[in-house]
C-alpha atoms as a PDB file:
ATOM      1  CA  MET A   1     -11.401 -51.920  98.715  1.00  0.00           C
ATOM      2  CA  LEU A   2      -8.066 -52.442  99.632  1.00  0.00           C
ATOM      3  CA  ARG A   3      -6.310 -54.878 101.876  1.00  0.00           C
ATOM      4  CA  LYS A   4      -4.860 -54.187 105.053  1.00  0.00           C
ATOM      5  CA  ALA A   5      -1.765 -55.735 106.569  1.00  0.00           C
ATOM      6  CA  ILE A   6      -2.365 -57.232 110.353  1.00  0.00           C
ATOM      7  CA  ILE A   7      -0.225 -58.702 113.116  1.00  0.00           C
ATOM      8  CA  ILE A   8      -0.493 -62.318 114.793  1.00  0.00           C
ATOM      9  CA  LYS A   9       1.354 -61.368 117.788  1.00  0.00           C
ATOM     10  CA  GLU A  10       1.634 -65.206 118.416  1.00  0.00           C
ATOM     11  CA  ARG A  11       3.847 -65.774 115.501  1.00  0.00           C
ATOM     12  CA  CYS A  12       6.271 -63.206 116.147  1.00  0.00           C
ATOM     13  CA  PRO A  13       8.921 -64.170 118.341  1.00  0.00           C
ATOM     14  CA  GLN A  14       9.415 -60.260 119.795  1.00  0.00           C
ATOM     15  CA  ASP A  15      13.145 -60.759 119.924  1.00  0.00           C
ATOM     16  CA  HIS A  16      14.733 -58.504 117.129  1.00  0.00           C
ATOM     17  CA  PRO A  17      14.141 -55.701 114.872  1.00  0.00           C
ATOM     18  CA  CYS A  18      11.173 -56.314 112.566  1.00  0.00           C
ATOM     19  CA  PRO A  19      12.350 -57.158 109.375  1.00  0.00           C
ATOM     20  CA  ALA A  20       9.366 -55.611 107.637  1.00  0.00           C
ATOM     21  CA  LEU A  21       9.642 -51.533 109.550  1.00  0.00           C
ATOM     22  CA  PRO A  22      12.114 -50.645 106.681  1.00  0.00           C
ATOM     23  CA  LYS A  23      10.620 -52.007 103.816  1.00  0.00           C
ATOM     24  CA  CYS A  24       7.194 -50.393 104.562  1.00  0.00           C
ATOM     25  CA  PRO A  25       7.052 -47.772 101.731  1.00  0.00           C
ATOM     26  CA  THR A  26       4.171 -45.665 104.098  1.00  0.00           C
ATOM     27  CA  ASP A  27       5.982 -46.177 107.789  1.00  0.00           C
ATOM     28  CA  ALA A  28       3.046 -48.279 108.733  1.00  0.00           C
ATOM     29  CA  ILE A  29       5.011 -50.139 110.917  1.00  0.00           C
ATOM     30  CA  LEU A  30       5.143 -49.226 114.603  1.00  0.00           C
ATOM     31  CA  GLN A  31       7.403 -51.436 116.966  1.00  0.00           C
ATOM     32  CA  LYS A  32       8.406 -50.246 120.285  1.00  0.00           C
ATOM     33  CA  GLY A  33      11.953 -51.745 121.411  1.00  0.00           C
ATOM     34  CA  TYR A  34      11.516 -55.402 120.749  1.00  0.00           C
ATOM     35  CA  ASN A  35       7.907 -55.597 121.683  1.00  0.00           C
ATOM     36  CA  ALA A  36       5.226 -56.945 118.338  1.00  0.00           C
ATOM     37  CA  PRO A  37       5.252 -54.254 115.840  1.00  0.00           C
ATOM     38  CA  GLU A  38       1.907 -52.886 115.330  1.00  0.00           C
ATOM     39  CA  VAL A  39       0.293 -52.194 111.804  1.00  0.00           C
ATOM     40  CA  ILE A  40      -0.942 -48.510 111.828  1.00  0.00           C
ATOM     41  CA  GLU A  41      -3.975 -48.750 109.721  1.00  0.00           C
ATOM     42  CA  GLU A  42      -4.614 -45.240 108.142  1.00  0.00           C
ATOM     43  CA  LYS A  43      -0.989 -45.444 106.788  1.00  0.00           C
ATOM     44  CA  CYS A  44      -1.159 -49.215 105.612  1.00  0.00           C
ATOM     45  CA  ILE A  45      -1.608 -49.131 101.505  1.00  0.00           C
ATOM     46  CA  GLY A  46      -2.020 -52.994 101.415  1.00  0.00           C
ATOM     47  CA  CYS A  47       1.137 -53.270  99.587  1.00  0.00           C
ATOM     48  CA  GLY A  48       2.213 -56.709 101.055  1.00  0.00           C
ATOM     49  CA  LYS A  49       5.827 -55.921 101.578  1.00  0.00           C
ATOM     50  CA  CYS A  50       5.606 -56.604 104.879  1.00  0.00           C
ATOM     51  CA  VAL A  51       3.902 -60.223 104.553  1.00  0.00           C
ATOM     52  CA  LYS A  52       6.434 -61.236 101.704  1.00  0.00           C
ATOM     53  CA  ILE A  53       9.239 -60.428 104.419  1.00  0.00           C
ATOM     54  CA  CYS A  54       8.370 -61.871 107.391  1.00  0.00           C
ATOM     55  CA  PRO A  55       9.682 -64.612 108.210  1.00  0.00           C
ATOM     56  CA  THR A  56       6.810 -65.944 110.724  1.00  0.00           C
ATOM     57  CA  GLY A  57       4.531 -65.297 108.975  1.00  0.00           C
ATOM     58  CA  ALA A  58       3.326 -62.528 111.521  1.00  0.00           C
ATOM     59  CA  PHE A  59       1.731 -60.295 109.116  1.00  0.00           C
ATOM     60  CA  GLN A  60      -1.056 -61.025 107.111  1.00  0.00           C
ATOM     61  CA  PHE A  61      -3.831 -59.544 104.961  1.00  0.00           C
ATOM     62  CA  GLU A  62      -7.419 -58.938 107.278  1.00  0.00           C
ATOM     63  CA  ARG A  63      -9.976 -60.970 105.501  1.00  0.00           C
END
């Protein structure tokens, strides 16, 4: 079973474009304005690029 990324919104400062957005190879991250990004579960392949690049640890793998 693939691990999927999730967002911990409380860890996202929501004042800038998400740095993980351009790193996601399947466009599974959606951000409207400077709101907290969302992960589109159906598109997430669990590569972990968002988890590695997020400076605040807002992206994590679901348990």
